[in-house]
PDB file of N, CA and C in Angstrom:
ATOM      1  N   VAL A   1      -3.706  49.579  19.003  1.00  0.00           N
ATOM      2  CA  VAL A   1      -3.881  50.931  18.965  1.00  0.00           C
ATOM      3  C   VAL A   1      -5.311  51.034  17.940  1.00  0.00           C
ATOM      4  N   ARG A   2      -5.914  51.433  17.958  1.00  0.00           N
ATOM      5  CA  ARG A   2      -7.347  51.856  17.496  1.00  0.00           C
ATOM      6  C   ARG A   2      -7.802  53.283  17.128  1.00  0.00           C
ATOM      7  N   ASP A   3      -7.887  54.229  18.470  1.00  0.00           N
ATOM      8  CA  ASP A   3      -7.913  55.550  18.359  1.00  0.00           C
ATOM      9  C   ASP A   3      -6.873  56.316  18.824  1.00  0.00           C
ATOM     10  N   VAL A   4      -6.597  57.407  18.449  1.00  0.00           N
ATOM     11  CA  VAL A   4      -5.457  58.467  19.384  1.00  0.00           C
ATOM     12  C   VAL A   4      -6.360  59.672  19.312  1.00  0.00           C
ATOM     13  N   ALA A   5      -6.510  60.455  20.050  1.00  0.00           N
ATOM     14  CA  ALA A   5      -7.242  62.018  19.925  1.00  0.00           C
ATOM     15  C   ALA A   5      -6.165  62.507  21.004  1.00  0.00           C
ATOM     16  N   TRP A   6      -5.860  64.080  20.481  1.00  0.00           N
ATOM     17  CA  TRP A   6      -5.093  65.027  21.088  1.00  0.00           C
ATOM     18  C   TRP A   6      -6.470  65.832  22.200  1.00  0.00           C
ATOM     19  N   ALA A   7      -5.887  66.108  23.287  1.00  0.00           N
ATOM     20  CA  ALA A   7      -6.955  67.022  23.742  1.00  0.00           C
ATOM     21  C   ALA A   7      -6.655  68.441  23.490  1.00  0.00           C
ATOM     22  N   PRO A   8      -7.556  69.337  23.767  1.00  0.00           N
ATOM     23  CA  PRO A   8      -7.441  70.596  23.073  1.00  0.00           C
ATOM     24  C   PRO A   8      -6.159  71.120  24.236  1.00  0.00           C
ATOM     25  N   ALA A   9      -5.077  72.186  23.006  1.00  0.00           N
ATOM     26  CA  ALA A   9      -4.765  73.268  24.401  1.00  0.00           C
ATOM     27  C   ALA A   9      -5.434  73.618  25.050  1.00  0.00           C
ATOM     28  N   VAL A  10      -5.702  73.909  26.646  1.00  0.00           N
ATOM     29  CA  VAL A  10      -5.897  74.765  27.176  1.00  0.00           C
ATOM     30  C   VAL A  10      -5.063  75.803  28.395  1.00  0.00           C
ATOM     31  N   GLY A  11      -3.731  75.390  27.989  1.00  0.00           N
ATOM     32  CA  GLY A  11      -3.142  76.404  29.367  1.00  0.00           C
ATOM     33  C   GLY A  11      -1.689  75.109  28.584  1.00  0.00           C
ATOM     34  N   PRO A  12      -0.557  75.982  28.416  1.00  0.00           N
ATOM     35  CA  PRO A  12       0.913  75.891  28.291  1.00  0.00           C
ATOM     36  C   PRO A  12       1.365  74.558  29.178  1.00  0.00           C
ATOM     37  N   SER A  13       0.634  74.013  30.156  1.00  0.00           N
ATOM     38  CA  SER A  13       1.126  73.763  31.974  1.00  0.00           C
ATOM     39  C   SER A  13       1.726  71.879  30.944  1.00  0.00           C
ATOM     40  N   ARG A  14       0.791  71.561  30.512  1.00  0.00           N
ATOM     41  CA  ARG A  14       1.104  69.963  29.785  1.00  0.00           C
ATOM     42  C   ARG A  14       0.320  69.708  28.483  1.00  0.00           C
ATOM     43  N   ALA A  15       0.140  68.895  27.924  1.00  0.00           N
ATOM     44  CA  ALA A  15      -0.328  68.300  26.766  1.00  0.00           C
ATOM     45  C   ALA A  15      -0.478  66.944  26.793  1.00  0.00           C
ATOM     46  N   THR A  16      -1.935  66.538  26.444  1.00  0.00           N
ATOM     47  CA  THR A  16      -2.799  65.285  26.845  1.00  0.00           C
ATOM     48  C   THR A  16      -3.048  64.508  25.765  1.00  0.00           C
ATOM     49  N   LEU A  17      -2.941  63.253  25.373  1.00  0.00           N
ATOM     50  CA  LEU A  17      -3.897  62.805  24.626  1.00  0.00           C
ATOM     51  C   LEU A  17      -4.378  61.623  24.811  1.00  0.00           C
ATOM     52  N   ALA A  18      -5.325  61.016  24.773  1.00  0.00           N
ATOM     53  CA  ALA A  18      -5.685  59.785  24.804  1.00  0.00           C
ATOM     54  C   ALA A  18      -5.871  58.394  23.567  1.00  0.00           C
ATOM     55  N   SER A  19      -5.705  57.220  24.281  1.00  0.00           N
ATOM     56  CA  SER A  19      -6.025  55.845  23.247  1.00  0.00           C
ATOM     57  C   SER A  19      -6.122  55.276  23.524  1.00  0.00           C
ATOM     58  N   CYS A  20      -7.075  54.154  22.754  1.00  0.00           N
ATOM     59  CA  CYS A  20      -7.958  53.102  23.080  1.00  0.00           C
ATOM     60  C   CYS A  20      -7.476  52.084  22.248  1.00  0.00           C
ATOM     61  N   SER A  21      -7.489  50.681  22.538  1.00  0.00           N
ATOM     62  CA  SER A  21      -7.229  49.798  22.068  1.00  0.00           C
ATOM     63  C   SER A  21      -7.997  48.373  22.141  1.00  0.00           C
ATOM     64  N   GLN A  22      -7.391  47.466  21.532  1.00  0.00           N
ATOM     65  CA  GLN A  22      -7.861  46.304  21.371  1.00  0.00           C
ATOM     66  C   GLN A  22      -7.979  45.271  22.556  1.00  0.00           C
ATOM     67  N   ASP A  23      -7.008  45.776  23.459  1.00  0.00           N
ATOM     68  CA  ASP A  23      -6.732  45.010  24.487  1.00  0.00           C
ATOM     69  C   ASP A  23      -7.719  45.799  25.809  1.00  0.00           C
ATOM     70  N   ARG A  24      -8.975  46.441  25.090  1.00  0.00           N
ATOM     71  CA  ARG A  24      -9.756  47.269  26.081  1.00  0.00           C
ATOM     72  C   ARG A  24      -9.367  48.256  27.087  1.00  0.00           C
ATOM     73  N   ARG A  25      -8.466  48.541  26.823  1.00  0.00           N
ATOM     74  CA  ARG A  25      -7.816  49.513  27.615  1.00  0.00           C
ATOM     75  C   ARG A  25      -7.409  50.954  26.968  1.00  0.00           C
ATOM     76  N   VAL A  26      -7.795  52.263  28.043  1.00  0.00           N
ATOM     77  CA  VAL A  26      -7.959  53.900  27.668  1.00  0.00           C
ATOM     78  C   VAL A  26      -6.989  54.149  28.416  1.00  0.00           C
ATOM     79  N   VAL A  27      -5.990  54.341  27.907  1.00  0.00           N
ATOM     80  CA  VAL A  27      -4.864  55.054  28.667  1.00  0.00           C
ATOM     81  C   VAL A  27      -4.795  56.781  28.163  1.00  0.00           C
ATOM     82  N   VAL A  28      -4.494  57.820  29.092  1.00  0.00           N
ATOM     83  CA  VAL A  28      -4.358  58.867  28.684  1.00  0.00           C
ATOM     84  C   VAL A  28      -2.891  59.436  29.192  1.00  0.00           C
ATOM     85  N   TRP A  29      -2.361  60.050  28.222  1.00  0.00           N
ATOM     86  CA  TRP A  29      -1.017  60.283  28.158  1.00  0.00           C
ATOM     87  C   TRP A  29      -0.965  61.840  28.937  1.00  0.00           C
ATOM     88  N   THR A  30       0.150  62.158  29.521  1.00  0.00           N
ATOM     89  CA  THR A  30       0.508  63.667  29.831  1.00  0.00           C
ATOM     90  C   THR A  30       1.999  63.883  29.334  1.00  0.00           C
ATOM     91  N   SER A  31       2.412  65.242  28.984  1.00  0.00           N
ATOM     92  CA  SER A  31       3.674  65.264  28.813  1.00  0.00           C
ATOM     93  C   SER A  31       3.810  66.798  29.235  1.00  0.00           C
ATOM     94  N   THR A  32       5.115  67.377  29.975  1.00  0.00           N
ATOM     95  CA  THR A  32       5.124  69.113  29.798  1.00  0.00           C
ATOM     96  C   THR A  32       6.282  69.232  29.315  1.00  0.00           C
ATOM     97  N   ASP A  33       6.985  68.201  28.254  1.00  0.00           N
ATOM     98  CA  ASP A  33       7.605  68.945  27.383  1.00  0.00           C
ATOM     99  C   ASP A  33       7.913  68.072  25.761  1.00  0.00           C
ATOM    100  N   TYR A  34       7.066  67.270  25.694  1.00  0.00           N
ATOM    101  CA  TYR A  34       6.590  66.017  24.466  1.00  0.00           C
ATOM    102  C   TYR A  34       7.859  65.494  23.843  1.00  0.00           C
ATOM    103  N   SER A  35       8.713  65.143  25.026  1.00  0.00           N
ATOM    104  CA  SER A  35       9.431  64.205  25.035  1.00  0.00           C
ATOM    105  C   SER A  35       9.752  62.933  25.616  1.00  0.00           C
ATOM    106  N   SER A  36       9.179  63.216  27.329  1.00  0.00           N
ATOM    107  CA  SER A  36       8.266  61.807  27.822  1.00  0.00           C
ATOM    108  C   SER A  36       7.416  62.168  28.060  1.00  0.00           C
ATOM    109  N   TRP A  37       6.514  60.862  27.983  1.00  0.00           N
ATOM    110  CA  TRP A  37       5.104  60.593  28.689  1.00  0.00           C
ATOM    111  C   TRP A  37       4.809  59.950  29.284  1.00  0.00           C
ATOM    112  N   THR A  38       3.922  60.390  30.282  1.00  0.00           N
ATOM    113  CA  THR A  38       3.574  59.471  31.179  1.00  0.00           C
ATOM    114  C   THR A  38       2.017  59.187  31.036  1.00  0.00           C
ATOM    115  N   PRO A  39       2.015  57.650  31.018  1.00  0.00           N
ATOM    116  CA  PRO A  39       0.777  56.969  30.915  1.00  0.00           C
ATOM    117  C   PRO A  39      -0.381  56.474  32.127  1.00  0.00           C
ATOM    118  N   ASN A  40      -1.362  56.969  31.952  1.00  0.00           N
ATOM    119  CA  ASN A  40      -2.218  56.410  33.456  1.00  0.00           C
ATOM    120  C   ASN A  40      -3.581  55.824  32.554  1.00  0.00           C
ATOM    121  N   VAL A  41      -3.983  54.989  32.536  1.00  0.00           N
ATOM    122  CA  VAL A  41      -5.087  53.707  32.124  1.00  0.00           C
ATOM    123  C   VAL A  41      -6.254  54.603  32.767  1.00  0.00           C
ATOM    124  N   LEU A  42      -7.008  54.670  32.234  1.00  0.00           N
ATOM    125  CA  LEU A  42      -8.158  55.491  32.534  1.00  0.00           C
ATOM    126  C   LEU A  42      -9.089  54.124  33.241  1.00  0.00           C
ATOM    127  N   ASN A  43      -8.711  52.995  32.687  1.00  0.00           N
ATOM    128  CA  ASN A  43      -9.827  52.219  32.760  1.00  0.00           C
ATOM    129  C   ASN A  43     -10.048  50.915  31.636  1.00  0.00           C
ATOM    130  N   VAL A  44     -10.375  49.586  32.529  1.00  0.00           N
ATOM    131  CA  VAL A  44     -10.061  48.715  31.493  1.00  0.00           C
ATOM    132  C   VAL A  44     -11.439  48.033  31.184  1.00  0.00           C
ATOM    133  N   PHE A  45     -12.186  48.050  30.418  1.00  0.00           N
ATOM    134  CA  PHE A  45     -13.310  48.061  29.414  1.00  0.00           C
ATOM    135  C   PHE A  45     -13.882  46.641  29.299  1.00  0.00           C
ATOM    136  N   ASP A  46     -15.098  46.585  29.401  1.00  0.00           N
ATOM    137  CA  ASP A  46     -15.626  45.208  29.123  1.00  0.00           C
ATOM    138  C   ASP A  46     -15.198  44.680  27.571  1.00  0.00           C
ATOM    139  N   ASP A  47     -15.633  45.265  27.026  1.00  0.00           N
ATOM    140  CA  ASP A  47     -15.144  45.247  25.152  1.00  0.00           C
ATOM    141  C   ASP A  47     -13.796  45.668  24.917  1.00  0.00           C
ATOM    142  N   VAL A  48     -13.732  45.677  23.297  1.00  0.00           N
ATOM    143  CA  VAL A  48     -12.746  46.228  22.586  1.00  0.00           C
ATOM    144  C   VAL A  48     -13.345  47.541  22.855  1.00  0.00           C
ATOM    145  N   ILE A  49     -12.568  48.649  22.519  1.00  0.00           N
ATOM    146  CA  ILE A  49     -12.635  49.875  23.060  1.00  0.00           C
ATOM    147  C   ILE A  49     -12.415  50.372  21.136  1.00  0.00           C
ATOM    148  N   TRP A  50     -13.177  51.760  20.761  1.00  0.00           N
ATOM    149  CA  TRP A  50     -13.002  51.565  19.365  1.00  0.00           C
ATOM    150  C   TRP A  50     -12.610  53.190  19.062  1.00  0.00           C
ATOM    151  N   ASN A  51     -13.278  54.245  19.722  1.00  0.00           N
ATOM    152  CA  ASN A  51     -12.682  55.116  19.655  1.00  0.00           C
ATOM    153  C   ASN A  51     -12.716  56.151  21.054  1.00  0.00           C
ATOM    154  N   VAL A  52     -12.124  57.518  20.994  1.00  0.00           N
ATOM    155  CA  VAL A  52     -11.784  58.134  21.917  1.00  0.00           C
ATOM    156  C   VAL A  52     -12.288  59.553  21.398  1.00  0.00           C
ATOM    157  N   SER A  53     -12.494  60.441  22.348  1.00  0.00           N
ATOM    158  CA  SER A  53     -12.636  61.814  21.936  1.00  0.00           C
ATOM    159  C   SER A  53     -12.953  63.069  22.907  1.00  0.00           C
ATOM    160  N   TRP A  54     -12.201  64.069  23.029  1.00  0.00           N
ATOM    161  CA  TRP A  54     -12.338  65.346  23.839  1.00  0.00           C
ATOM    162  C   TRP A  54     -13.746  66.315  23.563  1.00  0.00           C
ATOM    163  N   SER A  55     -13.998  66.764  24.377  1.00  0.00           N
ATOM    164  CA  SER A  55     -14.597  68.030  24.733  1.00  0.00           C
ATOM    165  C   SER A  55     -14.131  68.820  23.613  1.00  0.00           C
ATOM    166  N   LEU A  56     -14.763  70.529  23.829  1.00  0.00           N
ATOM    167  CA  LEU A  56     -13.809  71.373  23.228  1.00  0.00           C
ATOM    168  C   LEU A  56     -12.864  72.150  24.163  1.00  0.00           C
ATOM    169  N   THR A  57     -13.318  72.038  25.497  1.00  0.00           N
ATOM    170  CA  THR A  57     -12.529  72.129  26.731  1.00  0.00           C
ATOM    171  C   THR A  57     -11.199  71.377  27.090  1.00  0.00           C
ATOM    172  N   GLY A  58     -11.374  70.336  26.567  1.00  0.00           N
ATOM    173  CA  GLY A  58     -10.634  69.148  27.120  1.00  0.00           C
ATOM    174  C   GLY A  58     -10.707  68.475  28.061  1.00  0.00           C
ATOM    175  N   ARG A  59     -11.948  68.697  28.850  1.00  0.00           N
ATOM    176  CA  ARG A  59     -11.623  68.388  30.239  1.00  0.00           C
ATOM    177  C   ARG A  59     -12.194  66.885  30.338  1.00  0.00           C
ATOM    178  N   ILE A  60     -13.337  67.126  29.372  1.00  0.00           N
ATOM    179  CA  ILE A  60     -14.311  65.857  29.286  1.00  0.00           C
ATOM    180  C   ILE A  60     -13.945  64.707  28.347  1.00  0.00           C
ATOM    181  N   LEU A  61     -13.498  63.227  28.442  1.00  0.00           N
ATOM    182  CA  LEU A  61     -13.643  61.959  27.574  1.00  0.00           C
ATOM    183  C   LEU A  61     -14.172  61.431  27.214  1.00  0.00           C
ATOM    184  N   ALA A  62     -14.656  61.195  25.731  1.00  0.00           N
ATOM    185  CA  ALA A  62     -15.604  59.960  25.374  1.00  0.00           C
ATOM    186  C   ALA A  62     -15.170  58.842  25.008  1.00  0.00           C
ATOM    187  N   VAL A  63     -15.649  58.032  25.683  1.00  0.00           N
ATOM    188  CA  VAL A  63     -15.220  56.903  24.940  1.00  0.00           C
ATOM    189  C   VAL A  63     -16.506  55.681  24.724  1.00  0.00           C
ATOM    190  N   SER A  64     -16.102  55.233  23.319  1.00  0.00           N
ATOM    191  CA  SER A  64     -17.002  54.318  22.749  1.00  0.00           C
ATOM    192  C   SER A  64     -16.366  52.899  22.233  1.00  0.00           C
ATOM    193  N   GLY A  65     -17.280  52.035  22.113  1.00  0.00           N
ATOM    194  CA  GLY A  65     -16.432  50.511  22.269  1.00  0.00           C
ATOM    195  C   GLY A  65     -17.591  49.402  21.649  1.00  0.00           C
ATOM    196  N   GLY A  66     -16.983  48.287  21.669  1.00  0.00           N
ATOM    197  CA  GLY A  66     -18.133  47.336  20.872  1.00  0.00           C
ATOM    198  C   GLY A  66     -18.936  46.611  21.837  1.00  0.00           C
ATOM    199  N   ASP A  67     -18.817  47.471  23.197  1.00  0.00           N
ATOM    200  CA  ASP A  67     -20.348  47.122  23.786  1.00  0.00           C
ATOM    201  C   ASP A  67     -21.420  48.171  23.448  1.00  0.00           C
ATOM    202  N   ASN A  68     -21.407  48.798  22.621  1.00  0.00           N
ATOM    203  CA  ASN A  68     -22.742  49.736  22.236  1.00  0.00           C
ATOM    204  C   ASN A  68     -22.820  51.268  23.493  1.00  0.00           C
ATOM    205  N   LYS A  69     -21.584  51.342  23.829  1.00  0.00           N
ATOM    206  CA  LYS A  69     -21.773  52.129  25.127  1.00  0.00           C
ATOM    207  C   LYS A  69     -20.984  53.257  25.030  1.00  0.00           C
ATOM    208  N   VAL A  70     -21.607  54.537  25.331  1.00  0.00           N
ATOM    209  CA  VAL A  70     -20.650  55.568  25.095  1.00  0.00           C
ATOM    210  C   VAL A  70     -20.790  56.202  26.585  1.00  0.00           C
ATOM    211  N   SER A  71     -19.421  56.474  27.441  1.00  0.00           N
ATOM    212  CA  SER A  71     -19.223  56.618  28.559  1.00  0.00           C
ATOM    213  C   SER A  71     -18.428  58.270  28.542  1.00  0.00           C
ATOM    214  N   LEU A  72     -18.602  59.502  29.395  1.00  0.00           N
ATOM    215  CA  LEU A  72     -17.765  60.429  29.629  1.00  0.00           C
ATOM    216  C   LEU A  72     -17.285  60.260  30.759  1.00  0.00           C
ATOM    217  N   TRP A  73     -16.122  60.748  30.669  1.00  0.00           N
ATOM    218  CA  TRP A  73     -15.241  60.591  31.581  1.00  0.00           C
ATOM    219  C   TRP A  73     -14.064  61.877  32.116  1.00  0.00           C
ATOM    220  N   ARG A  74     -14.541  62.502  33.246  1.00  0.00           N
ATOM    221  CA  ARG A  74     -13.769  63.438  33.780  1.00  0.00           C
ATOM    222  C   ARG A  74     -13.008  63.430  35.052  1.00  0.00           C
ATOM    223  N   GLU A  75     -11.369  64.167  34.385  1.00  0.00           N
ATOM    224  CA  GLU A  75     -10.342  64.275  35.697  1.00  0.00           C
ATOM    225  C   GLU A  75     -10.535  64.873  36.816  1.00  0.00           C
ATOM    226  N   ASN A  76     -10.726  64.558  37.822  1.00  0.00           N
ATOM    227  CA  ASN A  76     -10.901  65.224  39.196  1.00  0.00           C
ATOM    228  C   ASN A  76      -9.682  65.884  39.907  1.00  0.00           C
ATOM    229  N   SER A  77      -9.581  66.478  40.622  1.00  0.00           N
ATOM    230  CA  SER A  77      -8.409  67.902  41.256  1.00  0.00           C
ATOM    231  C   SER A  77      -7.111  66.951  41.667  1.00  0.00           C
ATOM    232  N   GLU A  78      -7.676  65.158  41.962  1.00  0.00           N
ATOM    233  CA  GLU A  78      -6.302  64.488  42.545  1.00  0.00           C
ATOM    234  C   GLU A  78      -5.724  64.065  41.182  1.00  0.00           C
ATOM    235  N   GLY A  79      -5.888  63.945  40.156  1.00  0.00           N
ATOM    236  CA  GLY A  79      -5.594  63.588  38.801  1.00  0.00           C
ATOM    237  C   GLY A  79      -6.103  62.371  38.757  1.00  0.00           C
ATOM    238  N   GLN A  80      -7.422  61.986  39.429  1.00  0.00           N
ATOM    239  CA  GLN A  80      -7.839  60.667  39.132  1.00  0.00           C
ATOM    240  C   GLN A  80      -8.946  60.602  37.850  1.00  0.00           C
ATOM    241  N   TRP A  81      -9.405  59.634  37.104  1.00  0.00           N
ATOM    242  CA  TRP A  81     -10.303  59.803  36.147  1.00  0.00           C
ATOM    243  C   TRP A  81     -11.814  59.242  36.893  1.00  0.00           C
ATOM    244  N   ALA A  82     -12.900  59.668  36.547  1.00  0.00           N
ATOM    245  CA  ALA A  82     -13.971  59.220  37.218  1.00  0.00           C
ATOM    246  C   ALA A  82     -15.293  58.879  35.632  1.00  0.00           C
ATOM    247  N   CYS A  83     -16.077  58.028  36.145  1.00  0.00           N
ATOM    248  CA  CYS A  83     -16.917  58.086  34.557  1.00  0.00           C
ATOM    249  C   CYS A  83     -18.439  59.036  35.419  1.00  0.00           C
ATOM    250  N   ILE A  84     -18.412  60.023  34.539  1.00  0.00           N
ATOM    251  CA  ILE A  84     -19.328  60.804  35.094  1.00  0.00           C
ATOM    252  C   ILE A  84     -20.936  60.517  34.216  1.00  0.00           C
ATOM    253  N   SER A  85     -20.680  59.801  32.995  1.00  0.00           N
ATOM    254  CA  SER A  85     -21.995  59.564  32.742  1.00  0.00           C
ATOM    255  C   SER A  85     -21.653  58.310  31.655  1.00  0.00           C
ATOM    256  N   ASP A  86     -22.847  57.476  31.412  1.00  0.00           N
ATOM    257  CA  ASP A  86     -22.970  55.977  30.533  1.00  0.00           C
ATOM    258  C   ASP A  86     -24.205  56.266  30.071  1.00  0.00           C
ATOM    259  N   LEU A  87     -24.198  55.632  28.515  1.00  0.00           N
ATOM    260  CA  LEU A  87     -25.028  55.637  28.078  1.00  0.00           C
ATOM    261  C   LEU A  87     -25.089  55.033  26.978  1.00  0.00           C
ATOM    262  N   ASN A  88     -26.028  53.617  27.308  1.00  0.00           N
ATOM    263  CA  ASN A  88     -26.223  52.078  26.412  1.00  0.00           C
ATOM    264  C   ASN A  88     -26.570  52.977  24.860  1.00  0.00           C
ATOM    265  N   LYS A  89     -26.750  51.758  24.327  1.00  0.00           N
ATOM    266  CA  LYS A  89     -27.181  51.916  22.318  1.00  0.00           C
ATOM    267  C   LYS A  89     -28.605  51.581  23.260  1.00  0.00           C
ATOM    268  N   GLY A  90     -29.805  52.525  22.504  1.00  0.00           N
ATOM    269  CA  GLY A  90     -31.089  52.641  22.666  1.00  0.00           C
ATOM    270  C   GLY A  90     -31.849  53.401  24.094  1.00  0.00           C
ATOM    271  N   GLN A  91     -30.403  53.995  24.301  1.00  0.00           N
ATOM    272  CA  GLN A  91     -30.989  55.196  25.765  1.00  0.00           C
ATOM    273  C   GLN A  91     -31.213  56.327  24.773  1.00  0.00           C
ATOM    274  N   GLY A  92     -31.852  57.551  25.421  1.00  0.00           N
ATOM    275  CA  GLY A  92     -31.934  58.595  24.824  1.00  0.00           C
ATOM    276  C   GLY A  92     -32.308  59.225  24.037  1.00  0.00           C
ATOM    277  N   ASN A  93     -32.336  60.849  23.088  1.00  0.00           N
ATOM    278  CA  ASN A  93     -32.721  60.612  21.640  1.00  0.00           C
ATOM    279  C   ASN A  93     -31.630  60.952  20.973  1.00  0.00           C
ATOM    280  N   LEU A  94     -30.783  60.501  21.471  1.00  0.00           N
ATOM    281  CA  LEU A  94     -29.865  60.643  19.816  1.00  0.00           C
ATOM    282  C   LEU A  94     -29.862  59.058  19.030  1.00  0.00           C
ATOM    283  N   ASN A  95     -30.428  57.581  19.793  1.00  0.00           N
ATOM    284  CA  ASN A  95     -30.752  57.143  19.278  1.00  0.00           C
ATOM    285  C   ASN A  95     -32.041  56.833  18.107  1.00  0.00           C
ATOM    286  N   ASN A  96     -33.335  57.653  18.944  1.00  0.00           N
ATOM    287  CA  ASN A  96     -34.523  57.797  18.509  1.00  0.00           C
ATOM    288  C   ASN A  96     -34.607  58.595  16.735  1.00  0.00           C
ATOM    289  N   ALA A  97     -34.603  58.219  15.739  1.00  0.00           N
ATOM    290  CA  ALA A  97     -34.860  58.527  14.627  1.00  0.00           C
ATOM    291  C   ALA A  97     -35.747  59.230  14.023  1.00  0.00           C
ATOM    292  N   ASP A  98     -37.120  59.653  15.172  1.00  0.00           N
ATOM    293  CA  ASP A  98     -37.648  61.121  14.621  1.00  0.00           C
ATOM    294  C   ASP A  98     -36.625  62.511  15.165  1.00  0.00           C
ATOM    295  N   GLN A  99     -36.351  62.038  15.847  1.00  0.00           N
ATOM    296  CA  GLN A  99     -35.424  62.995  16.371  1.00  0.00           C
ATOM    297  C   GLN A  99     -33.925  63.472  15.928  1.00  0.00           C
ATOM    298  N   ARG A 100     -34.029  63.013  15.288  1.00  0.00           N
ATOM    299  CA  ARG A 100     -32.162  63.217  14.505  1.00  0.00           C
ATOM    300  C   ARG A 100     -32.329  64.472  13.078  1.00  0.00           C
ATOM    301  N   VAL A 101     -31.713  65.667  13.269  1.00  0.00           N
ATOM    302  CA  VAL A 101     -31.850  66.038  11.982  1.00  0.00           C
ATOM    303  C   VAL A 101     -30.640  65.891  10.869  1.00  0.00           C
ATOM    304  N   LEU A 102     -31.445  65.859  10.028  1.00  0.00           N
ATOM    305  CA  LEU A 102     -30.487  65.454   8.712  1.00  0.00           C
ATOM    306  C   LEU A 102     -29.747  66.059   7.631  1.00  0.00           C
TER     307      LEU A 102
END
């Protein structure tokens, strides 16, 4: 396991955390009682995954790894996770040194 991130609590119905690992998997774990956890493999990526991080609302999960990409994932109403954005290294303003605030 490379990283674990708890989703912010947005309601009493369930607890959620995400884990990522050297085997290129991201797993979203859910529990309603904190004693038993249900794993849901979000995706198996092309390279090792280093970090997972939740948005402030706990609805979007950011995933980054050895392929220099950051992808954003959201769960739909059927409980399936889908990639909603994918950013490669060198794309966007975040990688432009002139745009950074130091």
